[in-house]
Amino acid sequence: MSNAKPLPLLERSEAPVAAAPCCPPLSERPFTAEEAERTARMFKALGDPVRLRLFSAVASHEGGEACVCDISDVGVSQPTVSHHLKKLKEAGLLTSERRGTWVYYRVEPSVLAAMGQLLAVR
């Protein structure tokens, strides 16, 4: 007799939860120290040309997500690609999901909207 218990399945929500923008538009008011730290992490992650190419490859990929196998041709080794994708995830710019042996990356639309709002002129 096995002691294994079935695990409950998690259901994906029908509508994605929108991320709140990290900060007000740059032209609205000066950032607090916390807002500046959060925003600097995002820009620092995008400040590397390889990371920017990977972020762009994921954001522009058909269906809004990309397998690492489809975006790894950016002129660096696979371990380096994995390192850069990890940095983008840590900055909150990408999410990922493992499917079998491959990892699929996604840029949530709310992240792009928040980035656009941050740079909007009011």
N, C-alpha and C. Protein backbone atom coordinates (compact mmCIF):
# COMPACT_ATOMS: atom_id res chain seq x y z
N MET A 1 0.85 -1.17 0.00
CA MET A 1 0.00 0.00 0.00
C MET A 1 0.90 1.24 0.00
N SER A 2 0.55 2.21 -0.79
CA SER A 2 1.35 3.42 -0.92
C SER A 2 0.81 4.52 -0.01
N ASN A 3 1.71 5.33 0.52
CA ASN A 3 1.33 6.48 1.34
C ASN A 3 1.20 7.73 0.49
N ALA A 4 1.33 7.62 -0.82
CA ALA A 4 1.29 8.78 -1.71
C ALA A 4 -0.12 9.35 -1.74
N LYS A 5 -0.18 10.66 -1.65
CA LYS A 5 -1.46 11.37 -1.72
C LYS A 5 -1.46 12.23 -2.98
N PRO A 6 -2.57 12.25 -3.69
CA PRO A 6 -2.59 13.11 -4.87
C PRO A 6 -2.53 14.59 -4.47
N LEU A 7 -1.77 15.35 -5.23
CA LEU A 7 -1.66 16.79 -4.97
C LEU A 7 -2.78 17.51 -5.71
N PRO A 8 -3.34 18.54 -5.11
CA PRO A 8 -4.38 19.30 -5.80
C PRO A 8 -3.78 20.06 -6.98
N LEU A 9 -4.54 20.19 -8.03
CA LEU A 9 -4.10 20.94 -9.20
C LEU A 9 -4.41 22.41 -9.01
N LEU A 10 -3.47 23.24 -9.41
CA LEU A 10 -3.69 24.68 -9.36
C LEU A 10 -4.29 25.11 -10.68
N GLU A 11 -5.31 25.90 -10.62
CA GLU A 11 -5.94 26.40 -11.84
C GLU A 11 -5.40 27.78 -12.16
N ARG A 12 -5.15 28.00 -13.43
CA ARG A 12 -4.74 29.33 -13.86
C ARG A 12 -5.96 30.22 -13.88
N SER A 13 -5.78 31.45 -13.46
CA SER A 13 -6.90 32.38 -13.48
C SER A 13 -7.20 32.77 -14.92
N GLU A 14 -8.43 33.04 -15.20
CA GLU A 14 -8.84 33.40 -16.56
C GLU A 14 -8.20 34.71 -17.00
N ALA A 15 -8.19 35.68 -16.12
CA ALA A 15 -7.61 36.98 -16.46
C ALA A 15 -6.30 37.14 -15.70
N PRO A 16 -5.23 37.51 -16.40
CA PRO A 16 -3.97 37.70 -15.68
C PRO A 16 -4.08 38.86 -14.70
N VAL A 17 -3.40 38.70 -13.58
CA VAL A 17 -3.40 39.74 -12.57
C VAL A 17 -2.42 40.82 -13.02
N ALA A 18 -2.88 42.03 -13.13
CA ALA A 18 -2.03 43.12 -13.59
C ALA A 18 -1.10 43.57 -12.48
N ALA A 19 0.15 43.71 -12.84
CA ALA A 19 1.12 44.21 -11.86
C ALA A 19 0.96 45.71 -11.74
N ALA A 20 1.03 46.17 -10.53
CA ALA A 20 0.95 47.62 -10.31
C ALA A 20 2.24 48.25 -10.78
N PRO A 21 2.16 49.39 -11.42
CA PRO A 21 3.39 50.06 -11.84
C PRO A 21 4.27 50.30 -10.62
N CYS A 22 5.58 50.15 -10.84
CA CYS A 22 6.49 50.29 -9.71
C CYS A 22 6.58 51.72 -9.22
N CYS A 23 6.42 52.63 -10.13
CA CYS A 23 6.69 54.01 -9.78
C CYS A 23 5.84 54.95 -10.63
N PRO A 24 5.70 56.18 -10.18
CA PRO A 24 4.99 57.15 -11.01
C PRO A 24 5.85 57.55 -12.21
N PRO A 25 5.26 58.17 -13.20
CA PRO A 25 6.08 58.66 -14.31
C PRO A 25 7.20 59.57 -13.80
N LEU A 26 8.33 59.52 -14.46
CA LEU A 26 9.49 60.31 -14.04
C LEU A 26 9.19 61.80 -13.93
N SER A 27 8.28 62.27 -14.77
CA SER A 27 7.98 63.70 -14.79
C SER A 27 6.91 64.11 -13.77
N GLU A 28 6.33 63.15 -13.05
CA GLU A 28 5.26 63.47 -12.11
C GLU A 28 5.78 64.02 -10.78
N ARG A 29 6.78 63.36 -10.20
CA ARG A 29 7.34 63.79 -8.92
C ARG A 29 8.66 63.05 -8.72
N PRO A 30 9.49 63.53 -7.81
CA PRO A 30 10.74 62.80 -7.52
C PRO A 30 10.43 61.43 -6.91
N PHE A 31 11.25 60.45 -7.22
CA PHE A 31 11.10 59.11 -6.66
C PHE A 31 11.47 59.09 -5.19
N THR A 32 10.83 58.21 -4.45
CA THR A 32 11.29 57.90 -3.10
C THR A 32 12.52 57.01 -3.23
N ALA A 33 13.22 56.80 -2.14
CA ALA A 33 14.41 55.94 -2.18
C ALA A 33 14.05 54.52 -2.62
N GLU A 34 12.93 54.01 -2.12
CA GLU A 34 12.48 52.65 -2.47
C GLU A 34 12.12 52.56 -3.96
N GLU A 35 11.41 53.54 -4.47
CA GLU A 35 11.05 53.54 -5.90
C GLU A 35 12.29 53.61 -6.78
N ALA A 36 13.26 54.42 -6.35
CA ALA A 36 14.50 54.54 -7.13
C ALA A 36 15.27 53.22 -7.14
N GLU A 37 15.31 52.52 -6.01
CA GLU A 37 16.00 51.22 -5.94
C GLU A 37 15.34 50.21 -6.88
N ARG A 38 14.02 50.13 -6.81
CA ARG A 38 13.27 49.18 -7.64
C ARG A 38 13.46 49.47 -9.12
N THR A 39 13.37 50.73 -9.48
CA THR A 39 13.50 51.12 -10.88
C THR A 39 14.93 50.93 -11.37
N ALA A 40 15.89 51.22 -10.53
CA ALA A 40 17.30 51.04 -10.90
C ALA A 40 17.61 49.57 -11.18
N ARG A 41 17.03 48.65 -10.39
CA ARG A 41 17.24 47.21 -10.64
C ARG A 41 16.73 46.83 -12.03
N MET A 42 15.58 47.37 -12.40
CA MET A 42 15.01 47.06 -13.71
C MET A 42 15.91 47.60 -14.82
N PHE A 43 16.32 48.87 -14.71
CA PHE A 43 17.16 49.45 -15.75
C PHE A 43 18.54 48.81 -15.78
N LYS A 44 19.06 48.43 -14.62
CA LYS A 44 20.36 47.76 -14.58
C LYS A 44 20.29 46.44 -15.32
N ALA A 45 19.20 45.71 -15.11
CA ALA A 45 19.03 44.43 -15.81
C ALA A 45 18.96 44.64 -17.31
N LEU A 46 18.32 45.71 -17.75
CA LEU A 46 18.20 45.98 -19.18
C LEU A 46 19.41 46.71 -19.74
N GLY A 47 20.35 47.12 -18.88
CA GLY A 47 21.51 47.88 -19.32
C GLY A 47 22.56 47.05 -20.02
N ASP A 48 22.44 45.74 -20.00
CA ASP A 48 23.37 44.86 -20.68
C ASP A 48 22.81 44.53 -22.06
N PRO A 49 23.61 44.66 -23.13
CA PRO A 49 23.10 44.41 -24.48
C PRO A 49 22.55 42.99 -24.68
N VAL A 50 23.18 41.99 -24.08
CA VAL A 50 22.68 40.62 -24.23
C VAL A 50 21.33 40.48 -23.54
N ARG A 51 21.19 41.04 -22.35
CA ARG A 51 19.91 40.97 -21.64
C ARG A 51 18.83 41.71 -22.39
N LEU A 52 19.17 42.86 -22.95
CA LEU A 52 18.19 43.62 -23.71
C LEU A 52 17.74 42.83 -24.94
N ARG A 53 18.68 42.15 -25.60
CA ARG A 53 18.31 41.32 -26.76
C ARG A 53 17.41 40.16 -26.34
N LEU A 54 17.73 39.52 -25.21
CA LEU A 54 16.91 38.42 -24.74
C LEU A 54 15.51 38.90 -24.35
N PHE A 55 15.45 40.03 -23.64
CA PHE A 55 14.15 40.60 -23.25
C PHE A 55 13.32 40.93 -24.49
N SER A 56 13.96 41.53 -25.48
CA SER A 56 13.28 41.87 -26.72
C SER A 56 12.82 40.62 -27.47
N ALA A 57 13.65 39.58 -27.46
CA ALA A 57 13.29 38.34 -28.15
C ALA A 57 12.06 37.70 -27.51
N VAL A 58 12.01 37.72 -26.19
CA VAL A 58 10.85 37.16 -25.49
C VAL A 58 9.62 38.03 -25.74
N ALA A 59 9.77 39.34 -25.57
CA ALA A 59 8.63 40.26 -25.70
C ALA A 59 8.03 40.24 -27.09
N SER A 60 8.86 40.04 -28.11
CA SER A 60 8.36 40.09 -29.48
C SER A 60 8.04 38.72 -30.06
N HIS A 61 8.26 37.66 -29.30
CA HIS A 61 8.04 36.31 -29.80
C HIS A 61 6.54 36.05 -29.98
N GLU A 62 6.22 35.30 -31.00
CA GLU A 62 4.82 34.97 -31.28
C GLU A 62 4.19 34.27 -30.08
N GLY A 63 3.02 34.70 -29.70
CA GLY A 63 2.31 34.12 -28.58
C GLY A 63 2.70 34.69 -27.23
N GLY A 64 3.65 35.61 -27.21
CA GLY A 64 4.03 36.28 -25.97
C GLY A 64 4.93 35.49 -25.06
N GLU A 65 5.40 34.33 -25.51
CA GLU A 65 6.35 33.56 -24.72
C GLU A 65 7.32 32.87 -25.66
N ALA A 66 8.50 32.56 -25.14
CA ALA A 66 9.53 31.95 -25.97
C ALA A 66 10.25 30.87 -25.19
N CYS A 67 10.51 29.77 -25.87
CA CYS A 67 11.32 28.70 -25.31
C CYS A 67 12.77 29.16 -25.33
N VAL A 68 13.51 28.81 -24.31
CA VAL A 68 14.92 29.19 -24.27
C VAL A 68 15.64 28.65 -25.51
N CYS A 69 15.16 27.54 -26.05
CA CYS A 69 15.79 26.97 -27.24
C CYS A 69 15.61 27.87 -28.46
N ASP A 70 14.62 28.75 -28.45
CA ASP A 70 14.36 29.64 -29.59
C ASP A 70 15.06 30.99 -29.48
N ILE A 71 15.56 31.34 -28.31
CA ILE A 71 16.12 32.69 -28.13
C ILE A 71 17.58 32.69 -27.70
N SER A 72 18.22 31.52 -27.67
CA SER A 72 19.57 31.44 -27.11
C SER A 72 20.67 31.84 -28.08
N ASP A 73 20.34 32.18 -29.32
CA ASP A 73 21.35 32.55 -30.30
C ASP A 73 21.62 34.06 -30.24
N VAL A 74 22.31 34.47 -29.17
CA VAL A 74 22.63 35.90 -29.00
C VAL A 74 24.14 36.13 -28.90
N GLY A 75 24.91 35.15 -29.36
CA GLY A 75 26.35 35.33 -29.43
C GLY A 75 27.13 34.99 -28.17
N VAL A 76 26.47 34.35 -27.19
CA VAL A 76 27.15 33.93 -25.98
C VAL A 76 26.80 32.47 -25.71
N SER A 77 27.53 31.82 -24.80
CA SER A 77 27.30 30.41 -24.50
C SER A 77 25.96 30.21 -23.78
N GLN A 78 25.48 28.97 -23.80
CA GLN A 78 24.20 28.67 -23.14
C GLN A 78 24.23 28.97 -21.64
N PRO A 79 25.31 28.66 -20.91
CA PRO A 79 25.31 29.03 -19.49
C PRO A 79 25.21 30.54 -19.28
N THR A 80 25.79 31.31 -20.19
CA THR A 80 25.71 32.77 -20.07
C THR A 80 24.30 33.25 -20.36
N VAL A 81 23.63 32.63 -21.34
CA VAL A 81 22.23 32.96 -21.62
C VAL A 81 21.39 32.69 -20.37
N SER A 82 21.60 31.54 -19.75
CA SER A 82 20.85 31.20 -18.53
C SER A 82 21.09 32.22 -17.42
N HIS A 83 22.33 32.65 -17.28
CA HIS A 83 22.66 33.66 -16.27
C HIS A 83 21.90 34.96 -16.53
N HIS A 84 21.90 35.41 -17.78
CA HIS A 84 21.22 36.66 -18.12
C HIS A 84 19.70 36.53 -17.95
N LEU A 85 19.13 35.40 -18.31
CA LEU A 85 17.70 35.20 -18.12
C LEU A 85 17.36 35.20 -16.63
N LYS A 86 18.23 34.63 -15.81
CA LYS A 86 18.03 34.64 -14.36
C LYS A 86 18.02 36.07 -13.84
N LYS A 87 18.92 36.91 -14.31
CA LYS A 87 18.98 38.31 -13.88
C LYS A 87 17.71 39.06 -14.28
N LEU A 88 17.19 38.78 -15.48
CA LEU A 88 15.95 39.41 -15.92
C LEU A 88 14.77 38.97 -15.05
N LYS A 89 14.76 37.70 -14.66
CA LYS A 89 13.71 37.21 -13.76
C LYS A 89 13.82 37.86 -12.38
N GLU A 90 15.04 37.97 -11.86
CA GLU A 90 15.24 38.57 -10.54
C GLU A 90 14.80 40.04 -10.52
N ALA A 91 14.92 40.71 -11.66
CA ALA A 91 14.49 42.11 -11.75
C ALA A 91 12.98 42.23 -11.95
N GLY A 92 12.28 41.11 -12.06
CA GLY A 92 10.83 41.13 -12.24
C GLY A 92 10.39 41.40 -13.66
N LEU A 93 11.30 41.27 -14.62
CA LEU A 93 10.96 41.57 -16.01
C LEU A 93 10.45 40.35 -16.77
N LEU A 94 10.82 39.15 -16.33
CA LEU A 94 10.39 37.92 -16.98
C LEU A 94 9.81 36.96 -15.95
N THR A 95 8.94 36.09 -16.43
CA THR A 95 8.49 34.94 -15.66
C THR A 95 8.84 33.71 -16.48
N SER A 96 8.89 32.56 -15.84
CA SER A 96 9.24 31.35 -16.58
C SER A 96 8.42 30.17 -16.10
N GLU A 97 8.39 29.15 -16.96
CA GLU A 97 7.68 27.92 -16.66
C GLU A 97 8.43 26.78 -17.32
N ARG A 98 8.75 25.75 -16.54
CA ARG A 98 9.43 24.57 -17.09
C ARG A 98 8.38 23.64 -17.68
N ARG A 99 8.64 23.19 -18.90
CA ARG A 99 7.79 22.21 -19.57
C ARG A 99 8.70 21.11 -20.10
N GLY A 100 8.73 20.01 -19.40
CA GLY A 100 9.65 18.93 -19.78
C GLY A 100 11.08 19.38 -19.55
N THR A 101 11.88 19.33 -20.61
CA THR A 101 13.29 19.73 -20.47
C THR A 101 13.52 21.18 -20.81
N TRP A 102 12.51 21.86 -21.32
CA TRP A 102 12.68 23.26 -21.75
C TRP A 102 12.02 24.23 -20.79
N VAL A 103 12.55 25.44 -20.76
CA VAL A 103 11.98 26.50 -19.96
C VAL A 103 11.43 27.55 -20.92
N TYR A 104 10.21 27.98 -20.67
CA TYR A 104 9.56 29.00 -21.48
C TYR A 104 9.51 30.30 -20.68
N TYR A 105 9.86 31.40 -21.33
CA TYR A 105 9.90 32.71 -20.69
C TYR A 105 8.81 33.59 -21.26
N ARG A 106 8.31 34.49 -20.41
CA ARG A 106 7.22 35.38 -20.77
C ARG A 106 7.45 36.75 -20.16
N VAL A 107 7.07 37.78 -20.91
CA VAL A 107 7.02 39.13 -20.38
C VAL A 107 5.54 39.42 -20.18
N GLU A 108 5.15 39.65 -18.95
CA GLU A 108 3.75 39.95 -18.69
C GLU A 108 3.41 41.30 -19.32
N PRO A 109 2.25 41.41 -19.98
CA PRO A 109 1.88 42.69 -20.58
C PRO A 109 1.87 43.83 -19.58
N SER A 110 1.55 43.54 -18.34
CA SER A 110 1.52 44.60 -17.33
C SER A 110 2.92 45.16 -17.07
N VAL A 111 3.96 44.36 -17.26
CA VAL A 111 5.33 44.84 -17.09
C VAL A 111 5.65 45.87 -18.17
N LEU A 112 5.29 45.55 -19.41
CA LEU A 112 5.54 46.50 -20.50
C LEU A 112 4.72 47.77 -20.31
N ALA A 113 3.48 47.62 -19.85
CA ALA A 113 2.65 48.80 -19.62
C ALA A 113 3.23 49.67 -18.51
N ALA A 114 3.72 49.03 -17.45
CA ALA A 114 4.31 49.80 -16.34
C ALA A 114 5.57 50.52 -16.80
N MET A 115 6.38 49.86 -17.63
CA MET A 115 7.59 50.50 -18.15
C MET A 115 7.24 51.70 -19.03
N GLY A 116 6.21 51.53 -19.85
CA GLY A 116 5.76 52.64 -20.69
C GLY A 116 5.23 53.80 -19.87
N GLN A 117 4.49 53.49 -18.82
CA GLN A 117 3.95 54.55 -17.96
C GLN A 117 5.05 55.27 -17.22
N LEU A 118 6.09 54.54 -16.81
CA LEU A 118 7.21 55.16 -16.11
C LEU A 118 7.88 56.22 -16.96
N LEU A 119 7.99 55.97 -18.25
CA LEU A 119 8.68 56.89 -19.15
C LEU A 119 7.74 57.89 -19.82
N ALA A 120 6.45 57.83 -19.51
CA ALA A 120 5.47 58.73 -20.11
C ALA A 120 5.70 60.17 -19.63
N VAL A 121 5.53 61.09 -20.53
CA VAL A 121 5.65 62.52 -20.18
C VAL A 121 4.25 63.03 -19.89
N ARG A 122 4.10 63.71 -18.76
CA ARG A 122 2.78 64.26 -18.41
C ARG A 122 2.84 65.75 -18.35
